[in-house]
C-alpha atoms as a PDB file:
ATOM      1  CA  ILE A   1      -1.520  -2.065  23.024  1.00  0.00           C
ATOM      2  CA  GLN A   2       1.056   0.682  23.886  1.00  0.00           C
ATOM      3  CA  LYS A   3       2.890   0.562  21.034  1.00  0.00           C
ATOM      4  CA  ALA A   4       2.729  -0.896  16.837  1.00  0.00           C
ATOM      5  CA  HIS A   5       3.881  -1.259  13.859  1.00  0.00           C
ATOM      6  CA  ILE A   6       1.599   0.466  11.677  1.00  0.00           C
ATOM      7  CA  VAL A   7       0.891  -1.346   7.674  1.00  0.00           C
ATOM      8  CA  GLY A   8      -1.126   0.391   5.343  1.00  0.00           C
ATOM      9  CA  ILE A   9      -1.919  -0.047   1.519  1.00  0.00           C
ATOM     10  CA  SER A  10      -3.877   2.284  -0.801  1.00  0.00           C
ATOM     11  CA  MET A  11      -6.607   4.751   1.624  1.00  0.00           C
ATOM     12  CA  GLY A  12      -5.462   2.270   4.468  1.00  0.00           C
ATOM     13  CA  GLY A  13      -1.952   3.801   4.247  1.00  0.00           C
ATOM     14  CA  MET A  14      -3.349   7.082   3.948  1.00  0.00           C
ATOM     15  CA  ILE A  15      -5.180   6.779   7.212  1.00  0.00           C
ATOM     16  CA  ALA A  16      -1.520   4.919   8.537  1.00  0.00           C
ATOM     17  CA  GLN A  17       0.167   8.093   7.936  1.00  0.00           C
ATOM     18  CA  LEU A  18      -2.474  10.159  10.155  1.00  0.00           C
ATOM     19  CA  VAL A  19      -1.879   7.349  13.022  1.00  0.00           C
ATOM     20  CA  ALA A  20       1.410   7.807  12.566  1.00  0.00           C
ATOM     21  CA  ALA A  21       1.207  11.897  12.404  1.00  0.00           C
ATOM     22  CA  ASN A  22      -1.208  11.794  15.606  1.00  0.00           C
ATOM     23  CA  TYR A  23       0.457   9.437  17.815  1.00  0.00           C
ATOM     24  CA  ALA A  24       3.973   9.438  16.963  1.00  0.00           C
ATOM     25  CA  ASN A  25       5.032   8.334  20.237  1.00  0.00           C
ATOM     26  CA  ARG A  26       3.067   4.968  19.538  1.00  0.00           C
ATOM     27  CA  VAL A  27       4.199   3.871  16.305  1.00  0.00           C
ATOM     28  CA  LEU A  28       7.398   1.744  16.297  1.00  0.00           C
ATOM     29  CA  SER A  29       7.375   1.740  12.651  1.00  0.00           C
ATOM     30  CA  LEU A  30       5.122   3.089   9.763  1.00  0.00           C
ATOM     31  CA  ILE A  31       4.914   1.279   6.021  1.00  0.00           C
ATOM     32  CA  CYS A  32       2.711   2.482   3.802  1.00  0.00           C
ATOM     33  CA  PHE A  33       1.910   0.537   0.055  1.00  0.00           C
ATOM     34  CA  ALA A  34       0.222   2.438  -2.620  1.00  0.00           C
ATOM     35  CA  THR A  35      -0.552   5.731  -1.306  1.00  0.00           C
ATOM     36  CA  SER A  36       0.227   8.972  -1.327  1.00  0.00           C
ATOM     37  CA  SER A  37       0.115  12.723   0.763  1.00  0.00           C
ATOM     38  CA  GLY A  38      -2.038  14.036  -1.437  1.00  0.00           C
ATOM     39  CA  GLU A  39       0.317  16.468  -2.501  1.00  0.00           C
ATOM     40  CA  PRO A  40      -0.771  17.480  -6.471  1.00  0.00           C
ATOM     41  CA  LYS A  41       2.965  18.251  -6.756  1.00  0.00           C
ATOM     42  CA  LEU A  42       4.004  14.868  -6.617  1.00  0.00           C
ATOM     43  CA  PRO A  43       4.657  12.474  -9.808  1.00  0.00           C
ATOM     44  CA  PRO A  44       2.392  10.375 -10.878  1.00  0.00           C
ATOM     45  CA  ALA A  45       2.545   6.361 -10.329  1.00  0.00           C
ATOM     46  CA  LYS A  46       4.445   4.554 -13.118  1.00  0.00           C
ATOM     47  CA  PRO A  47       2.138   3.042 -15.918  1.00  0.00           C
ATOM     48  CA  GLU A  48       3.551  -0.507 -15.026  1.00  0.00           C
ATOM     49  CA  VAL A  49       2.794   0.166 -11.233  1.00  0.00           C
ATOM     50  CA  MET A  50      -1.123   1.282 -12.454  1.00  0.00           C
ATOM     51  CA  ASN A  51      -1.635  -1.628 -14.617  1.00  0.00           C
ATOM     52  CA  PHE A  52      -0.264  -4.250 -11.601  1.00  0.00           C
ATOM     53  CA  PHE A  53      -2.951  -2.917  -9.363  1.00  0.00           C
ATOM     54  CA  PHE A  54      -5.852  -2.594 -12.109  1.00  0.00           C
ATOM     55  CA  SER A  55      -5.407  -5.476 -14.251  1.00  0.00           C
ATOM     56  CA  PRO A  56      -8.074  -7.650 -14.382  1.00  0.00           C
ATOM     57  CA  LYS A  57      -7.760 -10.354 -12.151  1.00  0.00           C
ATOM     58  CA  ARG A  58      -6.738 -14.306 -13.611  1.00  0.00           C
ATOM     59  CA  LYS A  59      -8.618 -17.085 -12.880  1.00  0.00           C
ATOM     60  CA  SER A  60      -5.675 -19.226 -10.669  1.00  0.00           C
ATOM     61  CA  GLU A  61      -6.372 -22.593  -9.513  1.00  0.00           C
ATOM     62  CA  ASN A  62      -3.932 -21.482  -6.531  1.00  0.00           C
ATOM     63  CA  MET A  63      -2.320 -18.218  -4.157  1.00  0.00           C
ATOM     64  CA  SER A  64       1.389 -19.186  -5.564  1.00  0.00           C
ATOM     65  CA  ASP A  65       0.093 -19.444  -9.214  1.00  0.00           C
ATOM     66  CA  TYR A  66      -2.152 -15.835  -8.747  1.00  0.00           C
ATOM     67  CA  VAL A  67       1.497 -14.270  -7.481  1.00  0.00           C
ATOM     68  CA  ASP A  68       3.524 -16.035 -10.651  1.00  0.00           C
ATOM     69  CA  ASP A  69       0.545 -14.206 -12.977  1.00  0.00           C
ATOM     70  CA  LYS A  70       1.044 -10.989 -11.423  1.00  0.00           C
ATOM     71  CA  ILE A  71       4.657 -10.931 -11.297  1.00  0.00           C
ATOM     72  CA  ALA A  72       5.198 -12.433 -14.998  1.00  0.00           C
END
Protein backbone atom coordinates (compact mmCIF):
# COMPACT_ATOMS: atom_id res chain seq x y z
CA ILE A 1 0.00 0.00 0.00
CA GLN A 2 1.61 3.22 -1.13
CA LYS A 3 -0.83 5.65 0.54
CA ALA A 4 -3.74 5.20 2.91
CA HIS A 5 -6.41 6.94 4.95
CA ILE A 6 -5.58 6.33 8.63
CA VAL A 7 -8.26 6.01 11.33
CA GLY A 8 -7.74 5.23 15.01
CA ILE A 9 -9.68 5.27 18.27
CA SER A 10 -8.23 5.64 21.75
CA MET A 11 -4.73 4.14 21.76
CA GLY A 12 -5.15 3.36 18.05
CA GLY A 13 -5.64 7.10 17.50
CA MET A 14 -2.39 7.79 19.26
CA ILE A 15 -0.65 5.21 17.08
CA ALA A 16 -2.28 6.75 14.00
CA GLN A 17 -0.82 10.13 15.00
CA LEU A 18 2.66 8.57 15.14
CA VAL A 19 2.15 6.94 11.74
CA ALA A 20 1.06 10.29 10.27
CA ALA A 21 3.99 12.12 11.85
CA ASN A 22 6.57 9.58 10.73
CA TYR A 23 5.14 8.76 7.29
CA ALA A 24 3.30 11.93 6.27
CA ASN A 25 4.06 11.34 2.60
CA ARG A 26 2.08 8.07 2.72
CA VAL A 27 -0.96 9.34 4.67
CA LEU A 28 -3.91 10.62 2.64
CA SER A 29 -5.93 11.63 5.70
CA LEU A 30 -5.93 11.13 9.47
CA ILE A 31 -9.01 10.67 11.67
CA CYS A 32 -8.61 10.15 15.42
CA PHE A 33 -11.44 9.45 17.87
CA ALA A 34 -11.20 9.61 21.66
CA THR A 35 -7.48 10.23 21.61
CA SER A 36 -5.04 12.87 22.67
CA SER A 37 -1.51 14.04 22.01
CA GLY A 38 -0.80 13.59 25.70
CA GLU A 39 -0.31 17.33 26.22
CA PRO A 40 -1.14 17.89 29.93
CA LYS A 41 -2.28 21.48 29.27
CA LEU A 42 -5.20 20.29 27.12
CA PRO A 43 -8.65 20.38 28.76
CA PRO A 44 -10.06 17.04 29.96
CA ALA A 45 -12.84 15.21 28.14
CA LYS A 46 -16.36 16.39 28.86
CA PRO A 47 -18.29 14.28 31.42
CA GLU A 48 -20.91 13.25 28.82
CA VAL A 49 -18.14 11.90 26.59
CA MET A 50 -16.61 9.92 29.47
CA ASN A 51 -20.07 8.59 30.41
CA PHE A 52 -20.63 7.45 26.83
CA PHE A 53 -17.39 5.47 26.67
CA PHE A 54 -17.49 4.06 30.19
CA SER A 55 -21.22 3.39 30.62
CA PRO A 56 -22.11 -0.24 31.26
CA LYS A 57 -22.83 -2.28 28.17
CA ARG A 58 -26.50 -2.96 27.71
CA LYS A 59 -27.80 -6.28 26.53
CA SER A 60 -29.31 -5.50 23.17
CA GLU A 61 -30.95 -7.87 20.77
CA ASN A 62 -29.20 -6.38 17.76
CA MET A 63 -26.75 -3.70 16.67
CA SER A 64 -29.49 -1.18 15.89
CA ASP A 65 -30.89 -1.45 19.44
CA TYR A 66 -27.37 -1.17 20.90
CA VAL A 67 -26.70 2.03 18.93
CA ASP A 68 -30.08 3.45 19.95
CA ASP A 69 -29.23 2.73 23.61
CA LYS A 70 -25.83 4.43 23.33
CA ILE A 71 -27.13 7.62 21.70
CA ALA A 72 -30.19 7.97 23.90
